[in-house]
PDB file of N, CA and C in Angstrom:
ATOM      1  N   MET A   1     267.140   0.726 -65.737  1.00  0.00           N
ATOM      2  CA  MET A   1     266.238  -0.228 -64.478  1.00  0.00           C
ATOM      3  C   MET A   1     265.841   0.766 -63.320  1.00  0.00           C
ATOM      4  N   THR A   2     264.812   1.177 -63.141  1.00  0.00           N
ATOM      5  CA  THR A   2     264.054   1.594 -62.663  1.00  0.00           C
ATOM      6  C   THR A   2     264.731   1.555 -61.036  1.00  0.00           C
ATOM      7  N   GLU A   3     264.285   3.109 -60.386  1.00  0.00           N
ATOM      8  CA  GLU A   3     264.503   2.894 -58.684  1.00  0.00           C
ATOM      9  C   GLU A   3     264.371   1.906 -58.257  1.00  0.00           C
ATOM     10  N   ALA A   4     263.302   1.544 -58.444  1.00  0.00           N
ATOM     11  CA  ALA A   4     262.165   0.382 -56.998  1.00  0.00           C
ATOM     12  C   ALA A   4     263.730  -1.207 -57.869  1.00  0.00           C
ATOM     13  N   SER A   5     263.879  -1.525 -58.965  1.00  0.00           N
ATOM     14  CA  SER A   5     264.170  -2.228 -59.160  1.00  0.00           C
ATOM     15  C   SER A   5     266.012  -2.333 -58.741  1.00  0.00           C
ATOM     16  N   GLY A   6     266.594  -1.233 -58.610  1.00  0.00           N
ATOM     17  CA  GLY A   6     267.993  -1.328 -58.981  1.00  0.00           C
ATOM     18  C   GLY A   6     267.733  -0.952 -56.283  1.00  0.00           C
ATOM     19  N   GLU A   7     266.960  -0.331 -55.423  1.00  0.00           N
ATOM     20  CA  GLU A   7     266.614  -0.683 -54.724  1.00  0.00           C
ATOM     21  C   GLU A   7     266.559  -2.077 -54.093  1.00  0.00           C
ATOM     22  N   ALA A   8     266.183  -2.956 -55.411  1.00  0.00           N
ATOM     23  CA  ALA A   8     265.055  -3.833 -54.562  1.00  0.00           C
ATOM     24  C   ALA A   8     266.576  -5.364 -54.779  1.00  0.00           C
ATOM     25  N   SER A   9     267.635  -4.816 -55.932  1.00  0.00           N
ATOM     26  CA  SER A   9     268.999  -5.513 -56.131  1.00  0.00           C
ATOM     27  C   SER A   9     270.122  -5.170 -54.992  1.00  0.00           C
ATOM     28  N   GLY A  10     269.434  -4.601 -54.311  1.00  0.00           N
ATOM     29  CA  GLY A  10     270.453  -3.627 -53.313  1.00  0.00           C
ATOM     30  C   GLY A  10     271.604  -2.767 -54.221  1.00  0.00           C
ATOM     31  N   GLU A  11     271.512  -2.379 -55.648  1.00  0.00           N
ATOM     32  CA  GLU A  11     272.999  -1.265 -55.872  1.00  0.00           C
ATOM     33  C   GLU A  11     271.720   0.232 -56.320  1.00  0.00           C
ATOM     34  N   SER A  12     272.889   1.016 -55.946  1.00  0.00           N
ATOM     35  CA  SER A  12     272.271   2.328 -55.891  1.00  0.00           C
ATOM     36  C   SER A  12     272.879   3.061 -57.638  1.00  0.00           C
ATOM     37  N   ARG A  13     271.983   3.333 -57.548  1.00  0.00           N
ATOM     38  CA  ARG A  13     271.775   4.549 -59.332  1.00  0.00           C
ATOM     39  C   ARG A  13     274.147   4.592 -59.093  1.00  0.00           C
ATOM     40  N   GLY A  14     274.487   4.571 -60.324  1.00  0.00           N
ATOM     41  CA  GLY A  14     276.139   5.541 -59.439  1.00  0.00           C
ATOM     42  C   GLY A  14     277.121   4.880 -59.073  1.00  0.00           C
ATOM     43  N   VAL A  15     276.846   4.013 -58.564  1.00  0.00           N
ATOM     44  CA  VAL A  15     277.712   3.166 -57.579  1.00  0.00           C
ATOM     45  C   VAL A  15     278.204   2.236 -58.784  1.00  0.00           C
ATOM     46  N   LYS A  16     279.913   2.402 -58.622  1.00  0.00           N
ATOM     47  CA  LYS A  16     280.534   1.432 -59.232  1.00  0.00           C
ATOM     48  C   LYS A  16     280.627  -0.177 -58.834  1.00  0.00           C
ATOM     49  N   PRO A  17     280.466  -0.770 -58.747  1.00  0.00           N
ATOM     50  CA  PRO A  17     280.710  -2.134 -58.238  1.00  0.00           C
ATOM     51  C   PRO A  17     282.344  -2.671 -58.035  1.00  0.00           C
ATOM     52  N   GLN A  18     282.378  -2.842 -57.189  1.00  0.00           N
ATOM     53  CA  GLN A  18     283.434  -3.884 -56.650  1.00  0.00           C
ATOM     54  C   GLN A  18     284.459  -5.000 -57.324  1.00  0.00           C
ATOM     55  N   VAL A  19     285.393  -4.569 -57.661  1.00  0.00           N
ATOM     56  CA  VAL A  19     285.751  -6.166 -58.572  1.00  0.00           C
ATOM     57  C   VAL A  19     286.798  -7.052 -56.878  1.00  0.00           C
ATOM     58  N   PHE A  20     287.649  -6.767 -56.659  1.00  0.00           N
ATOM     59  CA  PHE A  20     288.566  -7.859 -55.820  1.00  0.00           C
ATOM     60  C   PHE A  20     287.752  -6.688 -54.720  1.00  0.00           C
ATOM     61  N   ASP A  21     288.045  -7.854 -52.999  1.00  0.00           N
ATOM     62  CA  ASP A  21     288.439  -7.241 -52.056  1.00  0.00           C
ATOM     63  C   ASP A  21     288.550  -6.004 -51.242  1.00  0.00           C
ATOM     64  N   ASP A  22     289.721  -5.763 -51.529  1.00  0.00           N
ATOM     65  CA  ASP A  22     289.944  -4.407 -51.044  1.00  0.00           C
ATOM     66  C   ASP A  22     289.997  -3.021 -52.295  1.00  0.00           C
ATOM     67  N   PRO A  23     289.543  -2.611 -51.508  1.00  0.00           N
ATOM     68  CA  PRO A  23     288.811  -1.055 -52.420  1.00  0.00           C
ATOM     69  C   PRO A  23     290.649  -0.957 -52.766  1.00  0.00           C
ATOM     70  N   ALA A  24     291.315  -0.894 -52.128  1.00  0.00           N
ATOM     71  CA  ALA A  24     292.778  -0.476 -52.689  1.00  0.00           C
ATOM     72  C   ALA A  24     293.200  -1.013 -53.569  1.00  0.00           C
ATOM     73  N   ILE A  25     292.419  -2.212 -54.164  1.00  0.00           N
ATOM     74  CA  ILE A  25     293.003  -2.542 -55.299  1.00  0.00           C
ATOM     75  C   ILE A  25     292.633  -2.417 -56.112  1.00  0.00           C
ATOM     76  N   ASP A  26     291.092  -2.811 -56.368  1.00  0.00           N
ATOM     77  CA  ASP A  26     290.461  -1.178 -57.661  1.00  0.00           C
ATOM     78  C   ASP A  26     290.957  -0.287 -57.793  1.00  0.00           C
ATOM     79  N   ALA A  27     291.417   0.081 -56.880  1.00  0.00           N
ATOM     80  CA  ALA A  27     291.982   1.814 -57.009  1.00  0.00           C
ATOM     81  C   ALA A  27     293.262   2.073 -57.605  1.00  0.00           C
ATOM     82  N   LEU A  28     294.623   0.552 -57.303  1.00  0.00           N
ATOM     83  CA  LEU A  28     295.464   0.412 -57.913  1.00  0.00           C
ATOM     84  C   LEU A  28     295.389   0.250 -59.462  1.00  0.00           C
ATOM     85  N   VAL A  29     293.903  -1.085 -59.696  1.00  0.00           N
ATOM     86  CA  VAL A  29     293.904  -0.923 -61.537  1.00  0.00           C
ATOM     87  C   VAL A  29     293.249  -0.268 -61.813  1.00  0.00           C
ATOM     88  N   LYS A  30     292.617   0.596 -61.073  1.00  0.00           N
ATOM     89  CA  LYS A  30     291.970   1.970 -62.449  1.00  0.00           C
ATOM     90  C   LYS A  30     292.840   2.275 -62.439  1.00  0.00           C
ATOM     91  N   MET A  31     294.094   2.818 -61.572  1.00  0.00           N
ATOM     92  CA  MET A  31     295.238   4.161 -61.395  1.00  0.00           C
ATOM     93  C   MET A  31     296.360   3.677 -62.608  1.00  0.00           C
ATOM     94  N   LEU A  32     296.863   1.828 -62.866  1.00  0.00           N
ATOM     95  CA  LEU A  32     296.969   1.821 -63.734  1.00  0.00           C
ATOM     96  C   LEU A  32     296.719   0.932 -65.554  1.00  0.00           C
ATOM     97  N   LEU A  33     295.314   0.847 -65.389  1.00  0.00           N
ATOM     98  CA  LEU A  33     294.831   1.616 -66.634  1.00  0.00           C
ATOM     99  C   LEU A  33     294.853   2.605 -67.153  1.00  0.00           C
ATOM    100  N   GLU A  34     294.568   3.544 -66.553  1.00  0.00           N
ATOM    101  CA  GLU A  34     294.736   5.094 -66.836  1.00  0.00           C
ATOM    102  C   GLU A  34     295.446   5.490 -67.095  1.00  0.00           C
ATOM    103  N   LEU A  35     297.210   4.569 -67.212  1.00  0.00           N
ATOM    104  CA  LEU A  35     298.741   4.632 -67.246  1.00  0.00           C
ATOM    105  C   LEU A  35     299.159   4.251 -68.646  1.00  0.00           C
ATOM    106  N   ALA A  36     298.279   3.010 -68.860  1.00  0.00           N
ATOM    107  CA  ALA A  36     298.470   2.452 -69.620  1.00  0.00           C
ATOM    108  C   ALA A  36     297.846   2.698 -70.205  1.00  0.00           C
ATOM    109  N   SER A  37     296.483   3.417 -70.844  1.00  0.00           N
ATOM    110  CA  SER A  37     296.119   4.694 -71.941  1.00  0.00           C
ATOM    111  C   SER A  37     296.738   5.642 -71.667  1.00  0.00           C
ATOM    112  N   GLU A  38     296.741   6.440 -71.465  1.00  0.00           N
ATOM    113  CA  GLU A  38     297.529   7.636 -71.398  1.00  0.00           C
ATOM    114  C   GLU A  38     298.831   7.192 -72.155  1.00  0.00           C
ATOM    115  N   SER A  39     299.445   6.255 -71.401  1.00  0.00           N
ATOM    116  CA  SER A  39     300.495   5.708 -72.288  1.00  0.00           C
ATOM    117  C   SER A  39     301.018   5.520 -73.545  1.00  0.00           C
ATOM    118  N   TRP A  40     299.831   4.718 -73.691  1.00  0.00           N
ATOM    119  CA  TRP A  40     299.179   4.712 -75.829  1.00  0.00           C
ATOM    120  C   TRP A  40     298.670   5.373 -76.747  1.00  0.00           C
ATOM    121  N   VAL A  41     298.767   6.295 -75.592  1.00  0.00           N
ATOM    122  CA  VAL A  41     298.121   7.621 -76.726  1.00  0.00           C
ATOM    123  C   VAL A  41     298.791   8.306 -77.548  1.00  0.00           C
ATOM    124  N   THR A  42     300.028   7.973 -76.006  1.00  0.00           N
ATOM    125  CA  THR A  42     301.629   9.474 -76.071  1.00  0.00           C
ATOM    126  C   THR A  42     302.508   8.921 -77.589  1.00  0.00           C
ATOM    127  N   ARG A  43     301.785   7.025 -77.566  1.00  0.00           N
ATOM    128  CA  ARG A  43     303.105   6.534 -78.631  1.00  0.00           C
ATOM    129  C   ARG A  43     302.457   7.048 -79.885  1.00  0.00           C
ATOM    130  N   ALA A  44     300.606   6.596 -79.629  1.00  0.00           N
ATOM    131  CA  ALA A  44     301.090   7.387 -81.278  1.00  0.00           C
ATOM    132  C   ALA A  44     300.662   8.505 -81.820  1.00  0.00           C
ATOM    133  N   ARG A  45     300.540   9.317 -80.811  1.00  0.00           N
ATOM    134  CA  ARG A  45     300.609  11.066 -81.231  1.00  0.00           C
ATOM    135  C   ARG A  45     302.115  10.785 -81.243  1.00  0.00           C
ATOM    136  N   LEU A  46     303.055  10.251 -80.243  1.00  0.00           N
ATOM    137  CA  LEU A  46     304.505  10.312 -81.008  1.00  0.00           C
ATOM    138  C   LEU A  46     305.029   9.714 -82.829  1.00  0.00           C
ATOM    139  N   ALA A  47     304.227   8.885 -82.702  1.00  0.00           N
ATOM    140  CA  ALA A  47     304.901   7.511 -84.179  1.00  0.00           C
ATOM    141  C   ALA A  47     303.825   8.962 -84.796  1.00  0.00           C
ATOM    142  N   ALA A  48     303.054   9.031 -84.959  1.00  0.00           N
ATOM    143  CA  ALA A  48     302.574  10.145 -86.026  1.00  0.00           C
ATOM    144  C   ALA A  48     303.529  11.036 -86.519  1.00  0.00           C
ATOM    145  N   LEU A  49     303.509  12.297 -85.121  1.00  0.00           N
ATOM    146  CA  LEU A  49     304.116  13.318 -85.829  1.00  0.00           C
ATOM    147  C   LEU A  49     305.995  13.372 -86.226  1.00  0.00           C
ATOM    148  N   GLU A  50     307.315  12.001 -85.118  1.00  0.00           N
ATOM    149  CA  GLU A  50     307.900  11.234 -85.869  1.00  0.00           C
ATOM    150  C   GLU A  50     307.435  11.326 -87.561  1.00  0.00           C
ATOM    151  N   ALA A  51     306.306  10.661 -87.924  1.00  0.00           N
ATOM    152  CA  ALA A  51     306.091  10.630 -89.595  1.00  0.00           C
ATOM    153  C   ALA A  51     306.156  11.331 -90.787  1.00  0.00           C
ATOM    154  N   LYS A  52     306.194  12.549 -89.200  1.00  0.00           N
ATOM    155  CA  LYS A  52     305.769  13.757 -90.300  1.00  0.00           C
ATOM    156  C   LYS A  52     306.724  14.749 -90.658  1.00  0.00           C
ATOM    157  N   VAL A  53     307.644  15.085 -88.970  1.00  0.00           N
ATOM    158  CA  VAL A  53     308.366  15.765 -89.333  1.00  0.00           C
ATOM    159  C   VAL A  53     310.209  15.358 -88.825  1.00  0.00           C
ATOM    160  N   GLY A  54     309.944  13.871 -88.671  1.00  0.00           N
ATOM    161  CA  GLY A  54     311.352  13.348 -88.103  1.00  0.00           C
ATOM    162  C   GLY A  54     311.476  12.961 -86.860  1.00  0.00           C
ATOM    163  N   SER A  55     312.620  12.851 -86.663  1.00  0.00           N
ATOM    164  CA  SER A  55     313.045  12.627 -85.022  1.00  0.00           C
ATOM    165  C   SER A  55     312.759  14.440 -84.189  1.00  0.00           C
ATOM    166  N   VAL A  56     312.591  14.132 -82.873  1.00  0.00           N
ATOM    167  CA  VAL A  56     311.669  14.732 -81.770  1.00  0.00           C
ATOM    168  C   VAL A  56     313.130  15.571 -81.149  1.00  0.00           C
ATOM    169  N   GLU A  57     313.343  14.784 -80.736  1.00  0.00           N
ATOM    170  CA  GLU A  57     314.668  14.308 -79.596  1.00  0.00           C
ATOM    171  C   GLU A  57     315.201  15.689 -79.704  1.00  0.00           C
ATOM    172  N   ASP A  58     315.466  17.346 -80.325  1.00  0.00           N
ATOM    173  CA  ASP A  58     316.567  18.143 -79.848  1.00  0.00           C
ATOM    174  C   ASP A  58     315.382  19.283 -80.716  1.00  0.00           C
ATOM    175  N   VAL A  59     313.970  18.774 -80.272  1.00  0.00           N
ATOM    176  CA  VAL A  59     312.571  19.911 -80.701  1.00  0.00           C
ATOM    177  C   VAL A  59     313.299  21.061 -78.786  1.00  0.00           C
ATOM    178  N   VAL A  60     313.369  21.986 -78.904  1.00  0.00           N
ATOM    179  CA  VAL A  60     313.062  23.478 -77.743  1.00  0.00           C
ATOM    180  C   VAL A  60     311.985  23.621 -77.586  1.00  0.00           C
ATOM    181  N   LEU A  61     310.938  23.672 -77.002  1.00  0.00           N
ATOM    182  CA  LEU A  61     309.551  24.154 -76.732  1.00  0.00           C
ATOM    183  C   LEU A  61     310.395  25.788 -75.863  1.00  0.00           C
ATOM    184  N   PRO A  62     309.615  26.914 -76.185  1.00  0.00           N
ATOM    185  CA  PRO A  62     309.159  27.950 -75.710  1.00  0.00           C
ATOM    186  C   PRO A  62     309.390  27.433 -74.328  1.00  0.00           C
ATOM    187  N   ALA A  63     308.681  29.299 -73.673  1.00  0.00           N
ATOM    188  CA  ALA A  63     308.788  28.368 -71.732  1.00  0.00           C
ATOM    189  C   ALA A  63     306.766  28.519 -71.979  1.00  0.00           C
ATOM    190  N   ALA A  64     306.830  29.899 -72.648  1.00  0.00           N
ATOM    191  CA  ALA A  64     305.024  29.570 -72.191  1.00  0.00           C
ATOM    192  C   ALA A  64     304.615  27.935 -72.933  1.00  0.00           C
ATOM    193  N   ALA A  65     304.875  27.696 -73.743  1.00  0.00           N
ATOM    194  CA  ALA A  65     304.560  25.892 -73.319  1.00  0.00           C
ATOM    195  C   ALA A  65     305.735  25.351 -72.469  1.00  0.00           C
ATOM    196  N   GLU A  66     306.235  25.107 -72.469  1.00  0.00           N
ATOM    197  CA  GLU A  66     306.855  24.784 -71.359  1.00  0.00           C
ATOM    198  C   GLU A  66     306.110  24.695 -69.226  1.00  0.00           C
ATOM    199  N   ALA A  67     305.594  25.682 -70.419  1.00  0.00           N
ATOM    200  CA  ALA A  67     304.288  26.425 -68.657  1.00  0.00           C
ATOM    201  C   ALA A  67     303.551  25.553 -68.593  1.00  0.00           C
ATOM    202  N   GLN A  68     302.425  25.585 -69.574  1.00  0.00           N
ATOM    203  CA  GLN A  68     301.309  24.997 -70.058  1.00  0.00           C
ATOM    204  C   GLN A  68     301.578  23.890 -69.919  1.00  0.00           C
ATOM    205  N   LEU A  69     302.633  23.356 -70.532  1.00  0.00           N
ATOM    206  CA  LEU A  69     302.958  21.139 -69.862  1.00  0.00           C
ATOM    207  C   LEU A  69     302.966  21.074 -69.185  1.00  0.00           C
ATOM    208  N   ALA A  70     303.706  21.830 -68.078  1.00  0.00           N
ATOM    209  CA  ALA A  70     303.956  22.008 -66.209  1.00  0.00           C
ATOM    210  C   ALA A  70     302.694  21.835 -66.281  1.00  0.00           C
ATOM    211  N   ALA A  71     301.759  22.253 -66.251  1.00  0.00           N
ATOM    212  CA  ALA A  71     300.298  22.473 -65.730  1.00  0.00           C
ATOM    213  C   ALA A  71     299.438  21.244 -66.068  1.00  0.00           C
ATOM    214  N   GLU A  72     299.613  21.037 -67.028  1.00  0.00           N
ATOM    215  CA  GLU A  72     298.840  19.255 -67.617  1.00  0.00           C
ATOM    216  C   GLU A  72     299.492  18.356 -66.631  1.00  0.00           C
ATOM    217  N   ARG A  73     300.688  18.082 -67.263  1.00  0.00           N
ATOM    218  CA  ARG A  73     301.327  17.040 -65.354  1.00  0.00           C
ATOM    219  C   ARG A  73     300.670  17.195 -64.781  1.00  0.00           C
ATOM    220  N   ASP A  74     300.392  18.619 -64.158  1.00  0.00           N
ATOM    221  CA  ASP A  74     300.215  18.664 -62.331  1.00  0.00           C
ATOM    222  C   ASP A  74     298.691  17.707 -62.122  1.00  0.00           C
ATOM    223  N   ALA A  75     297.749  18.337 -63.340  1.00  0.00           N
ATOM    224  CA  ALA A  75     296.192  18.337 -63.903  1.00  0.00           C
ATOM    225  C   ALA A  75     296.273  16.797 -64.224  1.00  0.00           C
ATOM    226  N   PHE A  76     296.948  16.103 -64.118  1.00  0.00           N
ATOM    227  CA  PHE A  76     297.466  15.203 -65.195  1.00  0.00           C
ATOM    228  C   PHE A  76     297.376  14.068 -63.810  1.00  0.00           C
ATOM    229  N   VAL A  77     298.425  14.876 -62.932  1.00  0.00           N
ATOM    230  CA  VAL A  77     298.712  13.328 -62.195  1.00  0.00           C
ATOM    231  C   VAL A  77     297.682  13.575 -60.706  1.00  0.00           C
ATOM    232  N   LYS A  78     297.264  15.138 -61.094  1.00  0.00           N
ATOM    233  CA  LYS A  78     296.268  15.369 -60.162  1.00  0.00           C
ATOM    234  C   LYS A  78     295.287  13.754 -60.207  1.00  0.00           C
ATOM    235  N   LYS A  79     294.462  13.781 -61.208  1.00  0.00           N
ATOM    236  CA  LYS A  79     293.350  12.751 -61.720  1.00  0.00           C
ATOM    237  C   LYS A  79     294.083  11.490 -61.777  1.00  0.00           C
ATOM    238  N   LEU A  80     295.290  11.548 -61.647  1.00  0.00           N
ATOM    239  CA  LEU A  80     296.082  10.074 -61.459  1.00  0.00           C
ATOM    240  C   LEU A  80     295.773   9.751 -59.847  1.00  0.00           C
ATOM    241  N   PHE A  81     296.053  10.453 -59.909  1.00  0.00           N
ATOM    242  CA  PHE A  81     296.865   9.534 -57.865  1.00  0.00           C
ATOM    243  C   PHE A  81     295.022   9.963 -56.902  1.00  0.00           C
ATOM    244  N   GLY A  82     294.252  11.053 -57.746  1.00  0.00           N
ATOM    245  CA  GLY A  82     293.225  11.472 -56.879  1.00  0.00           C
ATOM    246  C   GLY A  82     291.902   9.787 -56.666  1.00  0.00           C
ATOM    247  N   VAL A  83     292.167   9.131 -57.187  1.00  0.00           N
ATOM    248  CA  VAL A  83     290.935   7.755 -56.971  1.00  0.00           C
ATOM    249  C   VAL A  83     291.249   7.212 -55.491  1.00  0.00           C
ATOM    250  N   LEU A  84     293.266   7.682 -55.707  1.00  0.00           N
ATOM    251  CA  LEU A  84     292.738   6.931 -53.967  1.00  0.00           C
ATOM    252  C   LEU A  84     292.819   7.951 -52.596  1.00  0.00           C
ATOM    253  N   GLU A  85     292.161   9.030 -53.262  1.00  0.00           N
ATOM    254  CA  GLU A  85     291.780   9.739 -52.025  1.00  0.00           C
ATOM    255  C   GLU A  85     289.581  10.006 -51.246  1.00  0.00           C
ATOM    256  N   ARG A  86     289.185   9.038 -52.793  1.00  0.00           N
ATOM    257  CA  ARG A  86     287.748   9.023 -52.416  1.00  0.00           C
ATOM    258  C   ARG A  86     287.878   7.429 -51.531  1.00  0.00           C
TER     259      ARG A  86
END
């Protein structure tokens, strides 16, 4: 689509369409899909890990790994809820 045709249709380049009347509902749906995606990836990776090493219930992570995981968790939460700031 050229810029001219985008302007003619009233649609800007890079603007995502709004599906629901309330943009907050769009944001909630996006959050739900992000969570579902993350959950599925985690389940698949855990299943692969357990197929190789058995149960991971008793695994204790080193302090450095715990700190890295906490930083990744904070980034995930920021990404997940960041959609509400737009």
